Protein backbone atom coordinates (compact mmCIF):
# COMPACT_ATOMS: atom_id res chain seq x y z
CA MET A 1 -2.59 -67.82 -65.55
CA SER A 2 -0.94 -71.20 -65.36
CA GLY A 3 2.46 -72.37 -66.47
CA SER A 4 3.14 -75.95 -67.56
CA VAL A 5 6.51 -77.62 -67.21
CA PRO A 6 7.22 -81.13 -68.61
CA VAL A 7 8.46 -83.66 -66.08
CA PRO A 8 9.02 -87.42 -66.38
CA GLY A 9 5.63 -89.01 -66.86
CA GLY A 10 3.66 -85.84 -67.49
CA TRP A 11 3.44 -82.09 -66.80
CA THR A 12 3.33 -79.99 -63.66
CA VAL A 13 1.06 -76.96 -63.58
CA ARG A 14 1.45 -73.95 -61.29
CA ARG A 15 -0.67 -70.84 -61.08
CA VAL A 16 0.58 -67.28 -61.01
CA ARG A 17 -1.04 -63.85 -61.09
CA ASN A 18 -2.46 -62.78 -64.44
CA PRO A 19 -0.94 -59.32 -64.99
CA TRP A 20 -3.12 -58.52 -68.02
CA GLY A 21 -6.51 -58.27 -66.32
CA ARG A 22 -8.22 -60.77 -68.64
CA VAL A 23 -7.43 -63.98 -70.46
CA PRO A 24 -4.77 -62.86 -72.97
CA HIS A 25 -5.21 -65.65 -75.52
CA THR A 26 -6.80 -64.77 -78.85
CA GLY A 27 -8.90 -67.93 -79.08
CA GLY A 28 -7.44 -68.66 -82.49
CA GLY A 29 -8.00 -65.07 -83.60
CA ARG A 30 -11.57 -64.78 -82.30
CA SER A 31 -10.84 -62.75 -79.15
CA LEU A 32 -8.65 -59.86 -80.25
CA THR A 33 -7.82 -56.53 -78.69
CA ASP A 34 -8.74 -53.40 -80.61
CA ARG A 35 -5.28 -52.97 -82.11
CA ALA A 36 -4.97 -56.63 -83.06
CA GLN A 37 -8.37 -56.49 -84.75
CA GLN A 38 -7.28 -53.36 -86.63
CA LEU A 39 -4.24 -55.29 -87.86
CA VAL A 40 -6.49 -58.09 -89.12
CA ASP A 41 -8.66 -55.52 -90.87
CA ARG A 42 -5.63 -53.96 -92.59
CA ILE A 43 -4.38 -57.37 -93.69
CA THR A 44 -7.81 -58.21 -95.09
CA GLU A 45 -8.06 -54.88 -96.88
CA ARG A 46 -4.66 -55.35 -98.50
CA ALA A 47 -5.57 -58.88 -99.55
CA ARG A 48 -8.33 -57.37 -101.67
CA SER A 49 -6.20 -54.56 -103.05
CA GLN A 50 -4.95 -54.23 -106.61
CA ASP A 51 -1.58 -55.71 -107.45
CA ALA A 52 1.46 -53.52 -106.83
CA GLU A 53 3.50 -54.60 -109.84
CA SER A 54 6.37 -52.26 -108.96
CA VAL A 55 7.04 -54.16 -105.70
CA ARG A 56 9.11 -57.12 -106.85
CA ARG A 57 11.88 -57.23 -104.22
CA HIS A 58 10.22 -58.91 -101.25
CA HIS A 59 11.89 -58.84 -97.84
CA TYR A 60 11.21 -61.82 -95.60
CA VAL A 61 12.91 -59.88 -92.77
CA PRO A 62 11.85 -56.20 -92.74
CA ARG A 63 14.44 -53.57 -93.62
CA ALA A 64 13.40 -51.50 -90.62
CA TYR A 65 14.20 -54.47 -88.36
CA LEU A 66 17.67 -54.82 -89.89
CA ARG A 67 18.45 -51.11 -89.43
CA ARG A 68 18.65 -51.61 -85.66
CA TRP A 69 22.02 -53.28 -86.33
CA SER A 70 23.19 -50.65 -88.81
CA PHE A 71 26.29 -48.53 -88.26
CA ASP A 72 25.20 -45.84 -90.74
CA SER A 73 21.41 -46.33 -91.08
CA ARG A 74 21.99 -48.03 -94.45
CA ARG A 75 24.32 -51.01 -94.00
CA VAL A 76 24.90 -53.81 -91.49
CA TRP A 77 27.86 -56.06 -90.87
CA THR A 78 27.26 -59.63 -92.04
CA LEU A 79 28.85 -63.07 -92.06
CA ASP A 80 27.93 -65.34 -94.95
CA THR A 81 28.22 -68.76 -93.32
CA LYS A 82 28.36 -70.46 -96.72
CA THR A 83 31.35 -68.54 -98.11
CA GLY A 84 32.93 -67.14 -94.94
CA SER A 85 32.72 -63.61 -96.34
CA VAL A 86 32.48 -60.79 -93.78
CA ARG A 87 31.33 -57.47 -95.20
CA PRO A 88 28.78 -54.68 -94.81
CA ILE A 89 25.61 -55.11 -96.87
CA GLY A 90 22.86 -52.58 -97.46
CA VAL A 91 19.62 -53.44 -95.67
CA GLY A 92 17.83 -53.23 -99.00
CA ASP A 93 19.95 -56.13 -100.32
CA LEU A 94 19.69 -58.43 -97.31
CA CYS A 95 16.99 -61.02 -96.54
CA VAL A 96 15.27 -60.25 -99.83
CA GLU A 97 14.28 -62.23 -102.92
CA GLU A 98 12.53 -61.20 -106.07
CA ASN A 99 8.83 -62.08 -105.96
CA PHE A 100 9.29 -64.24 -102.85
CA HIS A 101 5.65 -63.66 -101.84
CA ARG A 102 4.19 -63.59 -105.36
CA VAL A 103 1.34 -66.10 -105.59
CA LEU A 104 -1.29 -67.26 -108.06
CA GLY A 105 -4.75 -65.72 -107.78
CA ARG A 106 -8.03 -67.51 -108.30
CA ASN A 107 -7.87 -66.53 -111.95
CA GLY A 108 -4.50 -68.25 -112.31
CA GLU A 109 -2.61 -64.98 -112.66
CA PRO A 110 0.28 -64.11 -110.30
CA HIS A 111 -0.05 -61.11 -107.99
CA ASN A 112 1.74 -59.37 -105.10
CA ALA A 113 -1.15 -58.92 -102.66
CA VAL A 114 0.57 -61.16 -100.09
CA GLU A 115 3.60 -58.86 -100.04
CA MET A 116 1.25 -55.97 -99.29
CA MET A 117 -0.40 -58.01 -96.52
CA PHE A 118 2.99 -58.61 -94.93
CA GLY A 119 3.58 -54.85 -95.14
CA ALA A 120 0.80 -54.37 -92.57
CA VAL A 121 2.37 -56.99 -90.29
CA ASP A 122 5.82 -55.44 -90.70
CA GLN A 123 4.57 -52.07 -89.50
CA GLU A 124 3.47 -53.61 -86.22
CA LEU A 125 6.57 -55.80 -85.92
CA CYS A 126 8.86 -52.79 -86.20
CA ARG A 127 6.71 -50.84 -83.76
CA MET A 128 7.16 -53.70 -81.28
CA GLN A 129 10.89 -53.78 -81.97
CA LYS A 130 11.18 -50.08 -81.17
CA LEU A 131 8.94 -50.42 -78.11
CA PHE A 132 10.92 -53.24 -76.53
CA ASP A 133 14.31 -51.81 -77.46
CA GLY A 134 13.44 -48.72 -75.42
CA LEU A 135 11.15 -50.19 -72.75
CA GLN A 136 11.90 -48.94 -69.23
CA ASP A 137 8.70 -49.66 -67.30
CA ALA A 138 7.04 -53.03 -67.90
CA GLU A 139 3.80 -51.82 -66.34
CA THR A 140 3.25 -49.51 -69.31
CA LEU A 141 2.72 -52.55 -71.54
CA THR A 142 -0.87 -53.28 -72.51
CA LEU A 143 -2.73 -56.37 -73.65
CA ASP A 144 -2.68 -54.77 -77.11
CA ASP A 145 1.11 -54.84 -76.95
CA LEU A 146 1.17 -58.49 -75.86
CA GLN A 147 -1.05 -59.73 -78.67
CA ILE A 148 0.66 -57.60 -81.32
CA LEU A 149 4.11 -58.70 -80.10
CA CYS A 150 3.16 -62.36 -80.28
CA VAL A 151 1.45 -62.23 -83.68
CA SER A 152 4.45 -60.30 -85.04
CA ILE A 153 6.90 -62.89 -83.70
CA ALA A 154 4.75 -65.76 -84.98
CA SER A 155 4.56 -64.24 -88.46
CA GLN A 156 8.28 -63.49 -88.64
CA ARG A 157 9.19 -66.99 -87.54
CA MET A 158 7.11 -68.68 -90.25
CA ARG A 159 7.76 -66.45 -93.28
CA THR A 160 11.47 -66.99 -93.91
CA VAL A 161 13.43 -68.76 -96.63
CA GLN A 162 14.36 -71.38 -94.05
CA GLN A 163 10.75 -72.27 -93.34
CA ARG A 164 9.98 -72.55 -97.04
CA ARG A 165 12.97 -74.88 -97.54
CA LEU A 166 11.92 -77.09 -94.62
CA GLN A 167 8.36 -77.27 -95.87
CA SER A 168 9.66 -78.11 -99.35
CA GLN A 169 11.64 -81.00 -97.88
CA SER A 170 8.50 -82.36 -96.23
CA ALA A 171 6.53 -81.89 -99.45
CA ALA A 172 9.18 -83.83 -101.40
CA TRP A 173 8.82 -86.73 -98.97
CA MET A 174 5.02 -86.64 -99.26
CA ALA A 175 5.27 -86.67 -103.07
CA ALA A 176 7.44 -89.80 -102.90
CA GLN A 177 4.77 -91.56 -100.82
CA ASN A 178 1.79 -90.42 -102.87
CA PRO A 179 2.08 -89.93 -106.66
CA ASP A 180 -1.01 -87.68 -106.56
CA PHE A 181 0.66 -85.25 -104.16
CA LYS A 182 2.14 -82.25 -105.97
CA PRO A 183 5.58 -81.27 -104.67
CA TRP A 184 6.21 -77.56 -104.42
CA VAL A 185 9.90 -77.12 -105.04
CA ARG A 186 10.09 -73.36 -105.33
CA ASP A 187 12.62 -73.23 -108.19
CA ALA A 188 10.36 -75.36 -110.39
CA ALA A 189 7.06 -73.73 -109.41
CA PRO A 190 7.84 -70.56 -107.43
CA HIS A 191 4.31 -69.08 -107.39
CA PHE A 192 2.80 -72.40 -106.29
CA ALA A 193 5.42 -72.78 -103.53
CA ALA A 194 4.83 -69.22 -102.33
CA GLY A 195 1.08 -69.81 -102.30
CA ILE A 196 1.26 -72.97 -100.20
CA HIS A 197 3.79 -71.39 -97.85
CA THR A 198 1.79 -68.24 -97.19
CA LYS A 199 -1.54 -70.07 -96.97
CA THR A 200 -0.05 -72.40 -94.35
CA LEU A 201 1.37 -69.42 -92.49
CA PHE A 202 -1.86 -67.46 -92.21
CA ARG A 203 -3.85 -70.57 -91.25
CA ALA A 204 -1.44 -71.30 -88.39
CA LEU A 205 -0.81 -67.68 -87.38
CA TRP A 206 -3.22 -67.32 -84.48
CA GLU A 207 -2.56 -70.79 -83.11
CA ALA A 208 1.15 -69.94 -82.93
CA THR A 209 0.29 -66.53 -81.46
CA ASP A 210 -1.62 -68.19 -78.62
CA VAL A 211 1.38 -70.39 -77.82
CA PHE A 212 3.48 -67.25 -77.40
CA VAL A 213 0.82 -65.27 -75.52
CA GLY A 214 0.91 -67.84 -72.74
CA ARG A 215 4.59 -67.20 -72.03
CA GLN A 216 6.51 -64.78 -69.82
CA ILE A 217 8.05 -61.78 -71.57
CA GLU A 218 11.68 -61.22 -70.60
CA VAL A 219 13.82 -58.39 -71.95
CA TRP A 220 17.53 -59.14 -71.77
CA GLU A 221 19.78 -56.08 -71.88
CA ASP A 222 23.49 -56.13 -72.71
CA ASP A 223 25.28 -52.80 -72.41
CA ALA A 224 28.22 -54.26 -74.37
CA GLU A 225 25.89 -54.69 -77.38
CA ARG A 226 26.88 -58.31 -78.05
CA PHE A 227 23.54 -59.58 -79.37
CA MET A 228 23.50 -60.69 -82.98
CA THR A 229 20.67 -61.72 -85.28
CA CYS A 230 20.28 -63.60 -88.56
CA ASP A 231 18.08 -64.23 -91.59
CA ALA A 232 15.72 -66.35 -89.46
CA PRO A 233 15.50 -63.95 -86.51
CA VAL A 234 12.88 -65.69 -84.35
CA LEU A 235 14.82 -68.49 -82.73
CA VAL A 236 13.78 -71.75 -81.12
CA PRO A 237 17.13 -73.00 -79.77
CA PHE A 238 18.23 -76.52 -80.63
CA LEU A 239 18.74 -78.92 -77.74
CA LYS A 240 22.12 -80.51 -77.00
CA GLY A 241 21.23 -83.59 -79.04
CA GLY A 242 20.67 -81.44 -82.12
CA ASN A 243 16.87 -81.50 -82.10
CA ARG A 244 14.64 -78.44 -82.14
CA PRO A 245 11.83 -78.87 -79.61
CA PRO A 246 8.18 -78.18 -80.48
CA LEU A 247 7.03 -74.66 -79.63
CA LEU A 248 5.03 -75.85 -76.61
CA GLU A 249 8.08 -77.56 -75.12
CA ALA A 250 10.79 -75.00 -75.94
CA ASP A 251 12.24 -73.31 -72.86
CA ARG A 252 12.67 -70.05 -74.74
CA ILE A 253 11.63 -68.30 -77.93
CA ILE A 254 14.26 -65.64 -78.69
CA TRP A 255 13.82 -62.50 -80.79
CA PRO A 256 16.86 -60.18 -80.81
CA VAL A 257 15.63 -56.61 -81.31
CA SER A 258 18.97 -54.76 -81.33
CA PRO A 259 22.63 -55.32 -80.44
CA ARG A 260 21.67 -54.23 -76.92
CA ARG A 261 18.43 -56.10 -76.32
CA ALA A 262 16.68 -59.40 -76.95
CA VAL A 263 13.06 -60.29 -76.24
CA VAL A 264 12.76 -63.76 -74.75
CA LEU A 265 9.44 -65.59 -74.34
CA SER A 266 9.99 -67.98 -71.45
CA ARG A 267 7.92 -70.78 -69.96
CA GLU A 268 8.78 -69.56 -66.46
CA LEU A 269 5.76 -67.41 -65.58
CA VAL A 270 6.25 -65.02 -62.66
CA GLY A 271 3.05 -62.99 -62.88
CA GLU A 272 4.63 -59.82 -64.32
CA ARG A 273 3.93 -58.16 -67.65
CA ALA A 274 7.64 -58.27 -68.46
CA ILE A 275 10.94 -58.73 -66.71
CA ILE A 276 13.72 -56.35 -67.75
CA ARG A 277 17.13 -57.55 -66.60
CA SER A 278 20.81 -57.32 -67.42
CA ALA A 279 22.13 -60.18 -69.53
CA ASN A 280 25.12 -62.06 -68.17
CA GLY A 281 27.71 -63.93 -70.23
CA LYS A 282 25.62 -67.10 -70.19
CA ASP A 283 22.60 -65.23 -71.56
CA VAL A 284 24.68 -63.69 -74.35
CA GLY A 285 26.00 -67.15 -75.18
CA ILE A 286 22.47 -68.59 -75.35
CA VAL A 287 21.43 -65.94 -77.86
CA ARG A 288 24.67 -66.27 -79.86
CA ASP A 289 24.39 -70.05 -80.12
CA ALA A 290 20.71 -69.82 -81.08
CA VAL A 291 21.59 -67.35 -83.85
CA LEU A 292 24.53 -69.37 -85.18
CA GLN A 293 22.60 -72.64 -85.30
CA GLY A 294 19.24 -71.13 -86.23
CA ARG A 295 20.38 -69.03 -89.18
CA GLU A 296 19.69 -70.02 -92.75
CA ARG A 297 22.84 -68.42 -94.14
CA MET A 298 23.51 -64.85 -92.95
CA ILE A 299 24.61 -63.65 -89.51
CA ILE A 300 24.10 -59.95 -88.72
CA ALA A 301 25.97 -58.02 -86.04
CA GLY A 302 26.27 -54.50 -84.73
CA GLU A 303 29.41 -52.47 -85.31
CA LEU A 304 30.93 -53.36 -81.93
CA GLN A 305 30.82 -57.09 -82.77
CA SER A 306 31.80 -56.84 -86.44
CA SER A 307 35.42 -57.77 -85.77
CA ARG A 308 34.30 -61.08 -84.22
CA LEU A 309 32.27 -62.29 -87.18
CA ALA A 310 35.19 -63.95 -88.99
CA ARG A 311 35.92 -66.06 -85.89
CA LEU A 312 32.41 -67.44 -85.45
CA LYS A 313 31.61 -71.10 -86.04
CA ARG A 314 30.14 -71.91 -89.45
CA PHE A 315 29.31 -75.55 -88.60
CA ASN A 316 30.44 -76.97 -91.97
CA GLY A 317 27.10 -76.47 -93.65
CA ARG A 318 24.94 -77.78 -90.82
CA ARG A 319 21.68 -75.93 -90.29
CA ALA A 320 18.00 -76.72 -89.73
CA GLN A 321 16.83 -79.82 -91.63
CA VAL A 322 13.69 -81.94 -91.53
CA GLN A 323 13.92 -84.93 -89.21
CA MET A 324 11.53 -87.90 -89.54
CA ARG A 325 11.08 -90.83 -87.20
CA CYS A 326 8.46 -93.58 -86.85
CA SER A 327 6.43 -93.64 -83.65
CA ASP A 328 3.77 -95.88 -82.11
CA ARG A 329 1.88 -92.82 -80.88
CA SER A 330 -0.49 -90.52 -82.75
CA PRO A 331 -0.13 -86.71 -82.40
CA ASP A 332 -2.82 -86.97 -79.68
CA GLY A 333 -0.80 -89.56 -77.80
CA GLU A 334 -2.95 -92.56 -78.71
CA TYR A 335 -1.19 -95.91 -79.08
CA VAL A 336 -0.96 -97.23 -82.65
CA PRO A 337 -0.50 -101.01 -82.54
CA PRO A 338 1.74 -102.85 -85.05
CA PRO A 339 1.96 -103.04 -87.96
CA GLY A 340 0.85 -99.40 -88.04
CA CYS A 341 3.19 -96.50 -87.39
CA VAL A 342 3.06 -92.71 -87.31
CA VAL A 343 5.74 -90.58 -88.97
CA ARG A 344 6.74 -87.79 -86.60
CA THR A 345 8.34 -84.71 -88.14
CA SER A 346 10.59 -82.20 -86.39
CA ASP A 347 13.72 -80.15 -87.10
CA ALA A 348 17.30 -81.30 -86.62
CA PHE A 349 20.60 -79.44 -86.76
CA ALA A 350 22.32 -81.36 -89.55
CA ALA A 351 23.89 -81.15 -93.00
CA LYS A 352 21.00 -82.92 -94.73
CA PRO A 353 17.50 -84.23 -93.93
CA ASP A 354 17.61 -86.77 -91.11
CA VAL A 355 15.16 -89.51 -92.11
CA VAL A 356 15.24 -92.88 -90.30
CA LEU A 357 11.98 -94.78 -90.71
CA CYS A 358 10.82 -98.31 -90.04
CA ALA A 359 11.45 -101.16 -92.48
CA GLN A 360 7.88 -102.48 -92.61
CA GLY A 361 7.50 -101.50 -96.26
CA PHE A 362 5.22 -98.50 -95.65
CA HIS A 363 7.65 -95.75 -96.65
CA ARG A 364 9.23 -95.07 -100.01
CA PRO A 365 12.63 -93.38 -100.42
CA ALA A 366 12.47 -89.66 -101.14
CA PRO A 367 15.78 -88.72 -102.80
CA ASP A 368 14.42 -85.31 -103.90
CA MET A 369 14.52 -84.22 -100.27
CA TYR A 370 18.29 -84.21 -100.36
CA ASP A 371 18.39 -81.68 -103.17
CA LEU A 372 16.86 -79.12 -100.78
CA THR A 373 19.49 -79.03 -98.07
């Protein structure tokens, strides 16, 4: 295996032992382990299933995941960063919206098959959560575990309310540039918005999985149980300047799995299946800051940290927002000579979309973006 690290003027590549015995990447979903293929088969089967009309409350973070922070198996301590309220909330009432995954079928009728598809993913995600919360010997991990862990993390990262809001901001900008482009503000057309969101997610799922598969698994353990999580629990930490780096360039992808443990996917490959180590104060701070800045609205803590919730920063409404800048480089790095330009999109930690584009007359204002902050 090789690890790539960006340096001024390019990347450095170093080789380390491959602990998995074969190339771990899925090849965009074409080279799967037995268990990963079984997951795909279950997802496909559920996509063809009849609508489950009784399932209307759709969790974008699984209840079983949230229970790892529960003090009584039913409720968790929360901080609402919008109102400042600190209180216990039942896991059934947290990270849930009615018909969040309800989409339009080919016949134009809404259905809940996507919610059932996510049910198959959630089973594996919670199995991975339990596995890594109790992992003692990294050598017991298999390539099955690696691929399932990474597809679970990729799915959880992309399926949240935050991701739908960010994609809606981008869609509002596109609609302002092109009158034929249909914006998908979810309040105006919820089934259409859900359909575009989930279609985008499943198309990008294995590409994102392969980004994660190429990283080093680290398990950070904190006996003081200071790890928190949030309603967007797969975290790509913002940089000091307030920008969120692309997945390929992020130093860490963080997934807290309990108050005691966090799974960290690092770029620093060491040739081991996983590194299990004690978290120091700096590590706890990295996870805390990633949670506070990466949340959409709700912070979730274990019982031992519940008394600290009221003292946490709420950042005056700042959270992830779309950032747009003009560039003279294409996504492939090719130079685009004037008067052309390329609009580069990323995420910023801000109170509203951060759009600063060139004044060559190519770009129209998109005021609807600012209604989706």
